[in-house]
Amino acid sequence: MQRRAMKAWLARVTASTPTVPIADEETGCTLWVKLEHLLPSGSTKDRVASFVLGHAVETGALHDDSLVVEASSGSTSIAFASACAMLGVRFRAVMPGGVSDERVLIIRRYGGEVVLTPAEAGVLGAIEATRRMAAEDPRVFLPRQFENPLNALAHQRHTGPELIAQVGTTIHGFVAGVGTGGTLAGIARALREAGHPVALGRPRPERGVCFEGEPEICGGIPGVVDGLSRLLDDPLLGPIEDIRVTDAEAIRATRELTARGFGVGPSSGLNFAAARHLARRLGPGHDVATVLCDRMERYFSTDLFRDLRTATNR
């Protein structure tokens, strides 16, 4: 494996993404959205994939015959599939059954393998399957996104400082949905280190609360997982407020963002809705930031597009 190729890929992935202000009339605050969905494979997980694999190359943990295996509900697997395709290294995604067809197809188009584990076992079942694979094959390299501190460090060193520089004023609040917790932990550390008196929010989707006029929208927000992150146990972070957001509100916010020209998925809507909740609590005149996590194209078959499929009888 050539380190030059890895460094070229790293330079492409860690290039800055824009941060855009939205004047929110409802709260009287400015909501800053960092457009992480514009990264090469379509999500903020590109930063994690490049950082973890870069470290593995530099330390000699990754070899030409390695098989990178990761448990993920989608975006992380797509990011690793893209990175491994660039490096010429095999990749296997281990995902719970029921993930959208689009995500499976994207991974396979990059040349990655997809193994689906029982849906009822969730992401935890997928994680356990990757550990069994590693025990059986010494060529397996596990990024371990839910517990690897490099996940958060990628955002602490890159995403957070970018956000701070782009906003250019005091950031009073920051929210990010927790799958692995890396985005929230890493950016929060960067904000604390830079001296921002920031209130931190963790959006928690309320499943089973249906969308008016679309009663089937009760399925939760893909990629947001309770209880699996090991990256938020850090005294430096301080208190993190739980912000309840219904499925309906998250989908509505996602569609609002798309109508503004941001082609994003449901977790971005969850973040945006939660940022609005936090802004409302802080009061007018504050600046609250969040990230738009991934692109809408991997959700065509999900609840996000249900209204349009119904309208066209598809």
Protein backbone atom coordinates (compact mmCIF):
# COMPACT_ATOMS: atom_id res chain seq x y z
CA MET A 1 0.00 0.00 0.00
CA GLN A 2 1.43 3.39 -0.99
CA ARG A 3 1.33 6.06 1.69
CA ARG A 4 1.34 8.74 -1.00
CA ALA A 5 -2.07 7.52 -2.21
CA MET A 6 -3.39 7.58 1.34
CA LYS A 7 -2.15 11.10 1.93
CA ALA A 8 -3.73 12.29 -1.32
CA TRP A 9 -7.04 10.79 -0.27
CA LEU A 10 -6.72 12.32 3.19
CA ALA A 11 -6.11 15.75 1.71
CA ARG A 12 -9.24 15.42 -0.41
CA VAL A 13 -11.46 14.21 2.43
CA THR A 14 -10.29 16.61 5.13
CA ALA A 15 -10.76 19.65 2.91
CA SER A 16 -13.09 22.15 4.56
CA THR A 17 -16.87 21.93 4.11
CA PRO A 18 -18.93 25.15 4.15
CA THR A 19 -20.89 26.39 7.15
CA VAL A 20 -24.04 28.35 6.31
CA PRO A 21 -26.05 30.66 8.62
CA ILE A 22 -29.84 30.39 8.68
CA ALA A 23 -31.71 33.28 10.30
CA ASP A 24 -34.46 31.49 12.19
CA GLU A 25 -37.51 33.73 12.58
CA GLU A 26 -39.16 31.26 14.93
CA THR A 27 -36.47 31.60 17.61
CA GLY A 28 -34.76 34.88 16.75
CA CYS A 29 -31.43 33.03 16.63
CA THR A 30 -28.94 32.18 13.93
CA LEU A 31 -28.70 28.45 13.22
CA TRP A 32 -25.37 27.53 11.65
CA VAL A 33 -25.33 24.33 9.59
CA LYS A 34 -22.06 22.68 8.56
CA LEU A 35 -22.53 20.96 5.21
CA GLU A 36 -20.83 17.65 5.92
CA HIS A 37 -23.02 15.93 3.33
CA LEU A 38 -20.79 17.53 0.67
CA LEU A 39 -17.82 15.31 1.58
CA PRO A 40 -16.76 12.80 -1.12
CA SER A 41 -18.85 9.76 -0.19
CA GLY A 42 -21.71 11.92 1.06
CA SER A 43 -21.39 12.09 4.85
CA THR A 44 -19.37 13.33 7.80
CA LYS A 45 -18.19 9.73 8.27
CA ASP A 46 -15.60 10.37 5.54
CA ARG A 47 -13.60 12.21 8.18
CA VAL A 48 -13.63 9.20 10.49
CA ALA A 49 -12.77 6.72 7.74
CA SER A 50 -9.82 8.78 6.50
CA PHE A 51 -8.51 9.48 10.00
CA VAL A 52 -8.76 5.90 11.26
CA LEU A 53 -7.33 4.32 8.11
CA GLY A 54 -4.59 6.94 7.92
CA HIS A 55 -3.53 6.10 11.45
CA ALA A 56 -3.66 2.38 10.64
CA VAL A 57 -1.40 2.87 7.62
CA GLU A 58 1.10 4.96 9.57
CA THR A 59 1.28 2.48 12.46
CA GLY A 60 1.47 -0.58 10.24
CA ALA A 61 -1.87 -2.00 11.39
CA LEU A 62 -3.24 -2.05 7.84
CA HIS A 63 -1.67 -4.15 5.08
CA ASP A 64 -2.29 -4.90 1.42
CA ASP A 65 -4.03 -8.17 2.34
CA SER A 66 -6.09 -6.67 5.17
CA LEU A 67 -9.87 -6.94 5.24
CA VAL A 68 -11.48 -3.88 6.83
CA VAL A 69 -14.69 -4.92 8.59
CA GLU A 70 -17.07 -2.46 10.21
CA ALA A 71 -20.48 -2.64 11.85
CA SER A 72 -22.69 0.21 10.72
CA SER A 73 -26.25 1.04 9.80
CA GLY A 74 -25.03 2.75 6.66
CA SER A 75 -23.05 5.98 6.38
CA THR A 76 -19.88 4.76 8.08
CA SER A 77 -19.86 1.65 5.90
CA ILE A 78 -20.26 3.78 2.77
CA ALA A 79 -17.36 6.01 3.87
CA PHE A 80 -15.10 3.04 4.54
CA ALA A 81 -16.15 1.39 1.27
CA SER A 82 -15.13 4.53 -0.60
CA ALA A 83 -11.83 4.84 1.27
CA CYS A 84 -10.94 1.19 0.83
CA ALA A 85 -11.74 1.38 -2.88
CA MET A 86 -9.31 4.28 -3.13
CA LEU A 87 -6.63 2.31 -1.26
CA GLY A 88 -7.22 -1.01 -2.99
CA VAL A 89 -8.05 -2.76 0.27
CA ARG A 90 -10.98 -5.15 0.75
CA PHE A 91 -13.95 -3.94 2.78
CA ARG A 92 -16.88 -5.74 4.39
CA ALA A 93 -19.89 -3.95 5.85
CA VAL A 94 -21.82 -5.75 8.57
CA MET A 95 -25.27 -4.20 8.87
CA PRO A 96 -28.57 -5.06 10.55
CA GLY A 97 -31.24 -6.31 8.18
CA GLY A 98 -33.73 -3.65 7.17
CA VAL A 99 -31.29 -0.92 6.14
CA SER A 100 -32.28 0.90 2.97
CA ASP A 101 -31.51 -0.79 -0.35
CA GLU A 102 -29.73 2.34 -1.52
CA ARG A 103 -27.05 1.98 1.15
CA VAL A 104 -26.42 -1.66 0.32
CA LEU A 105 -26.14 -0.88 -3.40
CA ILE A 106 -23.74 2.03 -2.84
CA ILE A 107 -21.41 -0.13 -0.76
CA ARG A 108 -21.46 -2.92 -3.34
CA ARG A 109 -20.84 -0.49 -6.18
CA TYR A 110 -17.67 0.64 -4.39
CA GLY A 111 -16.66 -3.02 -4.41
CA GLY A 112 -17.44 -3.72 -0.79
CA GLU A 113 -19.07 -6.83 0.61
CA VAL A 114 -22.29 -6.59 2.62
CA VAL A 115 -23.26 -9.01 5.38
CA LEU A 116 -26.72 -8.52 6.89
CA THR A 117 -27.25 -9.66 10.47
CA PRO A 118 -30.67 -10.28 12.09
CA ALA A 119 -32.64 -7.03 12.23
CA GLU A 120 -33.94 -7.77 15.72
CA ALA A 121 -30.35 -7.83 17.08
CA GLY A 122 -29.76 -4.29 15.84
CA VAL A 123 -26.33 -2.69 15.53
CA LEU A 124 -25.14 -4.55 18.63
CA GLY A 125 -25.68 -7.82 16.79
CA ALA A 126 -23.64 -6.49 13.87
CA ILE A 127 -20.82 -5.46 16.22
CA GLU A 128 -20.73 -8.92 17.77
CA ALA A 129 -20.55 -10.45 14.28
CA THR A 130 -17.50 -8.32 13.38
CA ARG A 131 -15.73 -9.48 16.53
CA ARG A 132 -16.32 -13.10 15.57
CA MET A 133 -14.92 -12.42 12.11
CA ALA A 134 -11.81 -10.83 13.59
CA ALA A 135 -11.29 -13.78 15.91
CA GLU A 136 -11.49 -16.18 12.97
CA ASP A 137 -9.31 -14.28 10.49
CA PRO A 138 -6.08 -12.43 11.48
CA ARG A 139 -6.29 -10.32 8.32
CA VAL A 140 -9.39 -8.53 9.63
CA PHE A 141 -8.91 -4.91 10.71
CA LEU A 142 -11.72 -3.51 12.89
CA PRO A 143 -12.12 0.30 12.97
CA ARG A 144 -14.46 -0.10 16.02
CA GLN A 145 -16.20 3.22 15.43
CA PHE A 146 -18.29 3.08 18.62
CA GLU A 147 -15.28 2.90 20.93
CA ASN A 148 -12.27 4.12 18.94
CA PRO A 149 -11.08 7.51 20.31
CA LEU A 150 -9.74 8.36 16.85
CA ASN A 151 -13.37 8.81 15.80
CA ALA A 152 -13.81 11.80 18.09
CA LEU A 153 -10.25 13.03 17.52
CA ALA A 154 -10.93 13.41 13.79
CA HIS A 155 -13.67 15.94 14.59
CA GLN A 156 -11.70 17.57 17.39
CA ARG A 157 -8.77 18.28 15.07
CA HIS A 158 -10.61 19.06 11.85
CA THR A 159 -14.39 19.55 11.91
CA GLY A 160 -14.53 21.57 15.13
CA PRO A 161 -11.78 24.08 14.27
CA GLU A 162 -13.29 24.55 10.81
CA LEU A 163 -16.70 25.28 12.32
CA ILE A 164 -15.26 27.76 14.81
CA ALA A 165 -13.32 29.64 12.12
CA GLN A 166 -16.28 29.73 9.72
CA VAL A 167 -18.83 30.99 12.26
CA GLY A 168 -16.39 33.66 13.41
CA THR A 169 -18.32 34.61 16.55
CA THR A 170 -19.26 33.05 19.86
CA ILE A 171 -21.06 29.75 19.47
CA HIS A 172 -23.62 29.48 22.26
CA GLY A 173 -25.01 26.05 21.46
CA PHE A 174 -24.07 22.93 19.55
CA VAL A 175 -26.13 19.79 18.90
CA ALA A 176 -25.40 16.52 17.12
CA GLY A 177 -27.27 13.23 17.08
CA VAL A 178 -25.42 10.32 18.63
CA GLY A 179 -24.70 7.16 16.74
CA THR A 180 -21.10 6.64 17.73
CA GLY A 181 -20.97 10.00 19.55
CA GLY A 182 -17.78 10.96 17.73
CA THR A 183 -19.14 14.11 16.09
CA LEU A 184 -20.63 15.49 19.30
CA ALA A 185 -17.63 14.58 21.48
CA GLY A 186 -14.99 15.81 19.04
CA ILE A 187 -16.59 19.13 18.10
CA ALA A 188 -17.57 19.79 21.72
CA ARG A 189 -13.96 19.34 22.82
CA ALA A 190 -12.80 21.76 20.14
CA LEU A 191 -15.38 24.32 21.27
CA ARG A 192 -14.41 23.93 24.94
CA GLU A 193 -10.70 24.25 24.13
CA ALA A 194 -11.40 27.43 22.15
CA GLY A 195 -13.26 28.96 25.11
CA HIS A 196 -16.80 28.99 23.74
CA PRO A 197 -19.44 28.98 26.52
CA VAL A 198 -21.40 26.41 24.59
CA ALA A 199 -24.51 24.52 25.68
CA LEU A 200 -24.41 21.00 24.28
CA GLY A 201 -27.47 19.10 23.08
CA ARG A 202 -28.01 15.44 22.20
CA PRO A 203 -31.09 14.95 20.01
CA ARG A 204 -33.10 11.88 21.01
CA PRO A 205 -35.69 10.77 18.46
CA GLU A 206 -39.04 9.69 19.83
CA ARG A 207 -40.06 6.67 17.83
CA GLY A 208 -43.66 5.77 17.25
CA VAL A 209 -44.85 9.37 17.06
CA CYS A 210 -46.41 9.48 13.63
CA PHE A 211 -46.45 12.12 10.94
CA GLU A 212 -49.77 13.86 10.41
CA GLY A 213 -51.30 12.60 7.19
CA GLU A 214 -48.62 9.92 6.83
CA PRO A 215 -49.34 7.42 9.62
CA GLU A 216 -46.61 5.02 8.51
CA ILE A 217 -43.83 7.42 9.48
CA CYS A 218 -43.03 5.93 12.86
CA GLY A 219 -39.79 4.09 12.12
CA GLY A 220 -37.14 6.15 13.84
CA ILE A 221 -34.14 8.01 12.45
CA PRO A 222 -31.48 5.84 10.74
CA GLY A 223 -28.01 6.02 12.28
CA VAL A 224 -29.05 7.30 15.71
CA VAL A 225 -28.46 4.55 18.25
CA ASP A 226 -28.99 4.64 22.00
CA GLY A 227 -26.55 3.14 24.47
CA LEU A 228 -23.69 2.04 22.18
CA SER A 229 -21.36 5.03 22.22
CA ARG A 230 -18.26 4.86 24.42
CA LEU A 231 -16.97 8.28 23.35
CA LEU A 232 -19.04 10.67 25.48
CA ASP A 233 -17.64 9.72 28.88
CA ASP A 234 -15.34 12.75 29.08
CA PRO A 235 -15.40 15.28 31.97
CA LEU A 236 -14.19 17.98 29.58
CA LEU A 237 -17.52 17.88 27.77
CA GLY A 238 -19.59 18.87 30.80
CA PRO A 239 -23.37 18.47 30.84
CA ILE A 240 -25.14 17.37 27.66
CA GLU A 241 -28.84 18.16 27.41
CA ASP A 242 -31.17 15.53 25.97
CA ILE A 243 -33.45 17.11 23.37
CA ARG A 244 -36.52 15.09 22.43
CA VAL A 245 -37.51 15.29 18.77
CA THR A 246 -40.35 13.25 17.30
CA ASP A 247 -39.96 11.29 14.09
CA ALA A 248 -42.52 13.58 12.51
CA GLU A 249 -40.63 16.72 13.48
CA ALA A 250 -37.34 15.31 12.21
CA ILE A 251 -38.82 14.38 8.84
CA ARG A 252 -40.54 17.76 8.58
CA ALA A 253 -37.23 19.53 9.34
CA THR A 254 -35.43 17.38 6.76
CA ARG A 255 -37.96 18.36 4.12
CA GLU A 256 -37.58 22.01 5.17
CA LEU A 257 -33.81 21.80 4.69
CA THR A 258 -34.25 20.17 1.30
CA ALA A 259 -36.66 22.94 0.29
CA ARG A 260 -33.87 25.38 1.21
CA GLY A 261 -31.54 23.56 -1.20
CA PHE A 262 -29.75 21.23 1.20
CA GLY A 263 -30.20 17.67 -0.08
CA VAL A 264 -29.85 15.82 3.21
CA GLY A 265 -31.15 12.78 5.08
CA PRO A 266 -33.28 12.37 8.22
CA SER A 267 -30.45 12.62 10.76
CA SER A 268 -29.73 16.12 9.45
CA GLY A 269 -33.36 17.04 10.02
CA LEU A 270 -33.12 15.62 13.53
CA ASN A 271 -30.10 17.82 14.22
CA PHE A 272 -31.71 20.92 12.75
CA ALA A 273 -34.91 20.43 14.74
CA ALA A 274 -32.88 19.93 17.92
CA ALA A 275 -30.81 23.05 17.20
CA ARG A 276 -34.07 24.99 16.96
CA HIS A 277 -35.21 23.53 20.31
CA LEU A 278 -31.95 24.61 21.96
CA ALA A 279 -32.11 28.05 20.35
CA ARG A 280 -35.63 28.51 21.68
CA ARG A 281 -34.41 27.71 25.20
CA LEU A 282 -31.39 30.03 24.94
CA GLY A 283 -33.49 32.91 23.63
CA PRO A 284 -33.19 35.42 20.75
CA GLY A 285 -29.79 36.64 19.60
CA HIS A 286 -27.83 33.43 20.17
CA ASP A 287 -25.83 31.38 17.68
CA VAL A 288 -26.45 27.63 17.62
CA ALA A 289 -24.56 25.23 15.37
CA THR A 290 -25.06 21.71 14.08
CA VAL A 291 -23.98 19.47 11.22
CA LEU A 292 -25.90 18.20 8.21
CA CYS A 293 -24.73 14.61 8.26
CA ASP A 294 -25.41 12.92 4.95
CA ARG A 295 -27.10 13.10 1.56
CA MET A 296 -30.69 12.33 0.72
CA GLU A 297 -29.93 9.89 -2.12
CA ARG A 298 -29.47 6.97 0.26
CA TYR A 299 -33.03 7.43 1.58
CA PHE A 300 -35.19 7.30 -1.55
CA SER A 301 -36.95 4.14 -0.34
CA THR A 302 -37.51 5.43 3.21
CA ASP A 303 -40.13 7.54 4.97
CA LEU A 304 -38.39 10.73 3.85
CA PHE A 305 -39.76 10.28 0.32
CA ARG A 306 -43.00 8.52 1.21
CA ASP A 307 -45.12 11.56 0.34
CA LEU A 308 -43.64 11.82 -3.14
CA ARG A 309 -43.94 8.09 -3.83
CA THR A 310 -47.57 8.26 -2.77
CA ALA A 311 -48.19 11.29 -4.97
CA THR A 312 -46.80 9.45 -8.01
CA ASN A 313 -48.39 6.10 -7.08
CA ARG A 314 -44.97 4.45 -6.70
